[in-house]
């Protein structure tokens, strides 16, 4: 592979060549996934690894069918705990 000077082109290359790694995600998305993994009682080492996963494999790792179902379930649990 030749050296890629453009950082965005490099991210696209990495994203296309990797399976579940999300190389083009935002900093906020990585932080959110790290905090969610810690919420599910993962060690900090595992949480660092999971923060780079794509949304669907991340949700399936914790027993949800999709990212949307995981967020819906967690939101519902949060609302019930506030009552």
N, C-alpha and C. Protein backbone atom coordinates (compact mmCIF):
# COMPACT_ATOMS: atom_id res chain seq x y z
N UNK A 1 0.85 -1.18 0.00
CA UNK A 1 0.00 0.00 0.00
C UNK A 1 0.89 1.24 0.00
N UNK A 2 0.58 2.14 -0.87
CA UNK A 2 1.33 3.39 -0.89
C UNK A 2 0.86 4.30 0.24
N UNK A 3 1.67 5.24 0.61
CA UNK A 3 1.33 6.16 1.69
C UNK A 3 0.22 7.10 1.23
N UNK A 4 -0.81 7.26 2.05
CA UNK A 4 -1.94 8.12 1.71
C UNK A 4 -1.79 9.43 2.47
N UNK A 5 -1.69 10.52 1.75
CA UNK A 5 -1.47 11.83 2.37
C UNK A 5 -2.74 12.44 2.95
N UNK A 6 -3.87 12.14 2.35
CA UNK A 6 -5.14 12.71 2.79
C UNK A 6 -5.70 11.89 3.96
N UNK A 7 -5.89 12.49 5.16
CA UNK A 7 -6.40 11.73 6.32
C UNK A 7 -7.78 11.13 6.07
N UNK A 8 -8.66 11.84 5.37
CA UNK A 8 -9.99 11.30 5.10
C UNK A 8 -9.93 10.09 4.18
N UNK A 9 -9.05 10.14 3.19
CA UNK A 9 -8.88 9.00 2.29
C UNK A 9 -8.33 7.81 3.06
N UNK A 10 -7.43 8.07 3.98
CA UNK A 10 -6.87 6.99 4.80
C UNK A 10 -7.97 6.34 5.64
N UNK A 11 -8.83 7.14 6.27
CA UNK A 11 -9.94 6.60 7.08
C UNK A 11 -10.87 5.76 6.22
N UNK A 12 -11.18 6.23 5.03
CA UNK A 12 -12.04 5.45 4.14
C UNK A 12 -11.38 4.13 3.77
N UNK A 13 -10.08 4.15 3.53
CA UNK A 13 -9.35 2.92 3.21
C UNK A 13 -9.41 1.94 4.37
N UNK A 14 -9.15 2.42 5.57
CA UNK A 14 -9.19 1.55 6.76
C UNK A 14 -10.60 1.00 6.95
N UNK A 15 -11.62 1.86 6.83
CA UNK A 15 -13.01 1.42 7.03
C UNK A 15 -13.40 0.36 6.01
N UNK A 16 -12.91 0.48 4.78
CA UNK A 16 -13.29 -0.50 3.76
C UNK A 16 -12.55 -1.82 3.93
N UNK A 17 -11.38 -1.79 4.54
CA UNK A 17 -10.60 -3.01 4.66
C UNK A 17 -10.82 -3.75 5.98
N UNK A 18 -11.50 -3.14 6.95
CA UNK A 18 -11.72 -3.76 8.25
C UNK A 18 -13.15 -4.26 8.37
N UNK A 19 -13.34 -5.28 9.18
CA UNK A 19 -14.67 -5.85 9.36
C UNK A 19 -15.57 -5.02 10.23
N UNK A 20 -15.32 -5.03 11.53
CA UNK A 20 -16.25 -4.35 12.44
C UNK A 20 -15.68 -3.05 13.00
N UNK A 21 -14.51 -2.62 12.53
CA UNK A 21 -13.91 -1.39 13.04
C UNK A 21 -14.52 -0.20 12.30
N UNK A 22 -14.91 0.80 13.06
CA UNK A 22 -15.51 2.01 12.50
C UNK A 22 -14.48 3.13 12.56
N UNK A 23 -13.74 3.31 11.47
CA UNK A 23 -12.65 4.28 11.46
C UNK A 23 -13.11 5.70 11.14
N UNK A 24 -14.34 5.87 10.72
CA UNK A 24 -14.79 7.21 10.32
C UNK A 24 -15.83 7.78 11.29
N UNK A 25 -15.87 7.26 12.50
CA UNK A 25 -16.84 7.76 13.48
C UNK A 25 -16.33 9.03 14.14
N UNK A 26 -17.25 9.74 14.75
CA UNK A 26 -16.88 10.99 15.43
C UNK A 26 -16.32 10.70 16.82
N UNK A 27 -15.67 11.69 17.37
CA UNK A 27 -15.11 11.57 18.73
C UNK A 27 -16.23 11.35 19.74
N UNK A 28 -17.37 12.03 19.56
CA UNK A 28 -18.50 11.89 20.48
C UNK A 28 -19.07 10.48 20.44
N UNK A 29 -19.13 9.90 19.24
CA UNK A 29 -19.65 8.53 19.11
C UNK A 29 -18.74 7.53 19.84
N UNK A 30 -17.43 7.72 19.72
CA UNK A 30 -16.49 6.84 20.42
C UNK A 30 -16.67 6.96 21.93
N UNK A 31 -16.82 8.19 22.43
CA UNK A 31 -17.01 8.39 23.87
C UNK A 31 -18.30 7.75 24.35
N UNK A 32 -19.37 7.89 23.56
CA UNK A 32 -20.65 7.32 23.94
C UNK A 32 -20.55 5.79 24.03
N UNK A 33 -19.89 5.16 23.04
CA UNK A 33 -19.76 3.71 23.06
C UNK A 33 -18.89 3.24 24.22
N UNK A 34 -17.86 4.01 24.56
CA UNK A 34 -17.02 3.68 25.71
C UNK A 34 -17.86 3.71 26.99
N UNK A 35 -18.66 4.77 27.15
CA UNK A 35 -19.49 4.89 28.36
C UNK A 35 -20.55 3.80 28.41
N UNK A 36 -21.12 3.44 27.26
CA UNK A 36 -22.10 2.35 27.24
C UNK A 36 -21.45 1.02 27.63
N UNK A 37 -20.26 0.76 27.11
CA UNK A 37 -19.57 -0.48 27.46
C UNK A 37 -19.26 -0.53 28.95
N UNK A 38 -18.86 0.59 29.52
CA UNK A 38 -18.61 0.64 30.97
C UNK A 38 -19.92 0.47 31.74
N UNK A 39 -21.03 0.98 31.18
CA UNK A 39 -22.35 0.79 31.80
C UNK A 39 -22.71 -0.69 31.86
N UNK A 40 -22.31 -1.44 30.84
CA UNK A 40 -22.55 -2.88 30.80
C UNK A 40 -21.50 -3.66 31.57
N UNK A 41 -20.73 -2.98 32.41
CA UNK A 41 -19.75 -3.55 33.33
C UNK A 41 -18.55 -4.21 32.63
N UNK A 42 -18.14 -3.65 31.51
CA UNK A 42 -16.92 -4.11 30.85
C UNK A 42 -15.72 -3.46 31.53
N UNK A 43 -14.60 -4.14 31.49
CA UNK A 43 -13.37 -3.54 32.01
C UNK A 43 -12.99 -2.35 31.13
N UNK A 44 -12.14 -1.50 31.63
CA UNK A 44 -11.76 -0.34 30.83
C UNK A 44 -11.00 -0.75 29.58
N UNK A 45 -10.27 -1.87 29.64
CA UNK A 45 -9.55 -2.34 28.46
C UNK A 45 -10.53 -2.80 27.38
N UNK A 46 -11.55 -3.55 27.79
CA UNK A 46 -12.55 -4.00 26.83
C UNK A 46 -13.34 -2.82 26.28
N UNK A 47 -13.68 -1.88 27.14
CA UNK A 47 -14.44 -0.71 26.70
C UNK A 47 -13.66 0.09 25.66
N UNK A 48 -12.35 0.18 25.83
CA UNK A 48 -11.54 0.88 24.83
C UNK A 48 -11.59 0.16 23.49
N UNK A 49 -11.61 -1.17 23.52
CA UNK A 49 -11.68 -1.94 22.27
C UNK A 49 -13.07 -1.80 21.63
N UNK A 50 -14.13 -1.87 22.43
CA UNK A 50 -15.49 -1.82 21.90
C UNK A 50 -15.86 -0.45 21.34
N UNK A 51 -15.21 0.61 21.79
CA UNK A 51 -15.59 1.94 21.32
C UNK A 51 -15.32 2.12 19.84
N UNK A 52 -14.48 1.28 19.25
CA UNK A 52 -14.18 1.38 17.82
C UNK A 52 -15.04 0.45 16.96
N UNK A 53 -15.88 -0.34 17.58
CA UNK A 53 -16.74 -1.24 16.82
C UNK A 53 -17.85 -0.46 16.12
N UNK A 54 -18.36 -1.04 15.06
CA UNK A 54 -19.55 -0.45 14.42
C UNK A 54 -20.75 -0.66 15.33
N UNK A 55 -21.82 0.08 15.08
CA UNK A 55 -22.96 0.08 16.00
C UNK A 55 -23.65 -1.27 16.11
N UNK A 56 -23.87 -1.94 14.99
CA UNK A 56 -24.61 -3.20 15.03
C UNK A 56 -23.87 -4.30 15.79
N UNK A 57 -22.58 -4.55 15.51
CA UNK A 57 -21.87 -5.57 16.30
C UNK A 57 -21.76 -5.19 17.78
N UNK A 58 -21.67 -3.90 18.06
CA UNK A 58 -21.61 -3.43 19.44
C UNK A 58 -22.88 -3.83 20.17
N UNK A 59 -24.05 -3.52 19.57
CA UNK A 59 -25.33 -3.85 20.20
C UNK A 59 -25.51 -5.36 20.34
N UNK A 60 -25.13 -6.11 19.32
CA UNK A 60 -25.28 -7.57 19.38
C UNK A 60 -24.37 -8.19 20.44
N UNK A 61 -23.23 -7.58 20.68
CA UNK A 61 -22.32 -8.08 21.73
C UNK A 61 -22.99 -8.07 23.09
N UNK A 62 -23.89 -7.11 23.31
CA UNK A 62 -24.56 -6.97 24.60
C UNK A 62 -25.98 -7.51 24.59
N UNK A 63 -26.33 -8.32 23.57
CA UNK A 63 -27.58 -9.05 23.56
C UNK A 63 -28.77 -8.35 22.93
N UNK A 64 -28.54 -7.28 22.20
CA UNK A 64 -29.64 -6.57 21.52
C UNK A 64 -29.62 -6.93 20.04
N UNK A 65 -30.78 -6.84 19.41
CA UNK A 65 -30.85 -7.20 18.00
C UNK A 65 -30.29 -6.12 17.08
N UNK A 66 -30.35 -4.86 17.53
CA UNK A 66 -29.83 -3.76 16.72
C UNK A 66 -29.47 -2.59 17.63
N UNK A 67 -28.79 -1.62 17.05
CA UNK A 67 -28.41 -0.41 17.79
C UNK A 67 -29.65 0.33 18.27
N UNK A 68 -30.65 0.48 17.37
CA UNK A 68 -31.87 1.21 17.73
C UNK A 68 -32.62 0.54 18.87
N UNK A 69 -32.69 -0.79 18.85
CA UNK A 69 -33.39 -1.49 19.94
C UNK A 69 -32.65 -1.32 21.26
N UNK A 70 -31.32 -1.28 21.20
CA UNK A 70 -30.54 -1.08 22.42
C UNK A 70 -30.80 0.32 22.99
N UNK A 71 -30.76 1.34 22.15
CA UNK A 71 -30.98 2.71 22.61
C UNK A 71 -32.40 2.87 23.14
N UNK A 72 -33.38 2.29 22.46
CA UNK A 72 -34.77 2.36 22.91
C UNK A 72 -34.93 1.71 24.27
N UNK A 73 -34.34 0.54 24.44
CA UNK A 73 -34.45 -0.18 25.71
C UNK A 73 -33.77 0.59 26.84
N UNK A 74 -32.59 1.12 26.57
CA UNK A 74 -31.87 1.87 27.61
C UNK A 74 -32.61 3.16 27.98
N UNK A 75 -33.19 3.81 26.99
CA UNK A 75 -33.96 5.03 27.25
C UNK A 75 -35.19 4.72 28.10
N UNK A 76 -35.87 3.62 27.77
CA UNK A 76 -37.04 3.21 28.53
C UNK A 76 -36.66 2.90 29.98
N UNK A 77 -35.55 2.17 30.16
CA UNK A 77 -35.08 1.85 31.51
C UNK A 77 -34.74 3.11 32.31
N UNK A 78 -34.14 4.08 31.65
CA UNK A 78 -33.78 5.32 32.30
C UNK A 78 -35.02 6.10 32.74
N UNK A 79 -36.02 6.14 31.85
CA UNK A 79 -37.26 6.84 32.18
C UNK A 79 -37.98 6.17 33.35
N UNK A 80 -37.97 4.84 33.38
CA UNK A 80 -38.63 4.12 34.48
C UNK A 80 -37.90 4.33 35.80
N UNK A 81 -36.58 4.42 35.74
CA UNK A 81 -35.82 4.61 36.98
C UNK A 81 -35.97 6.03 37.54
N UNK A 82 -36.34 6.99 36.70
CA UNK A 82 -36.52 8.36 37.15
C UNK A 82 -37.88 8.56 37.81
N UNK A 83 -38.81 7.61 37.62
CA UNK A 83 -40.16 7.76 38.19
C UNK A 83 -40.17 7.44 39.67
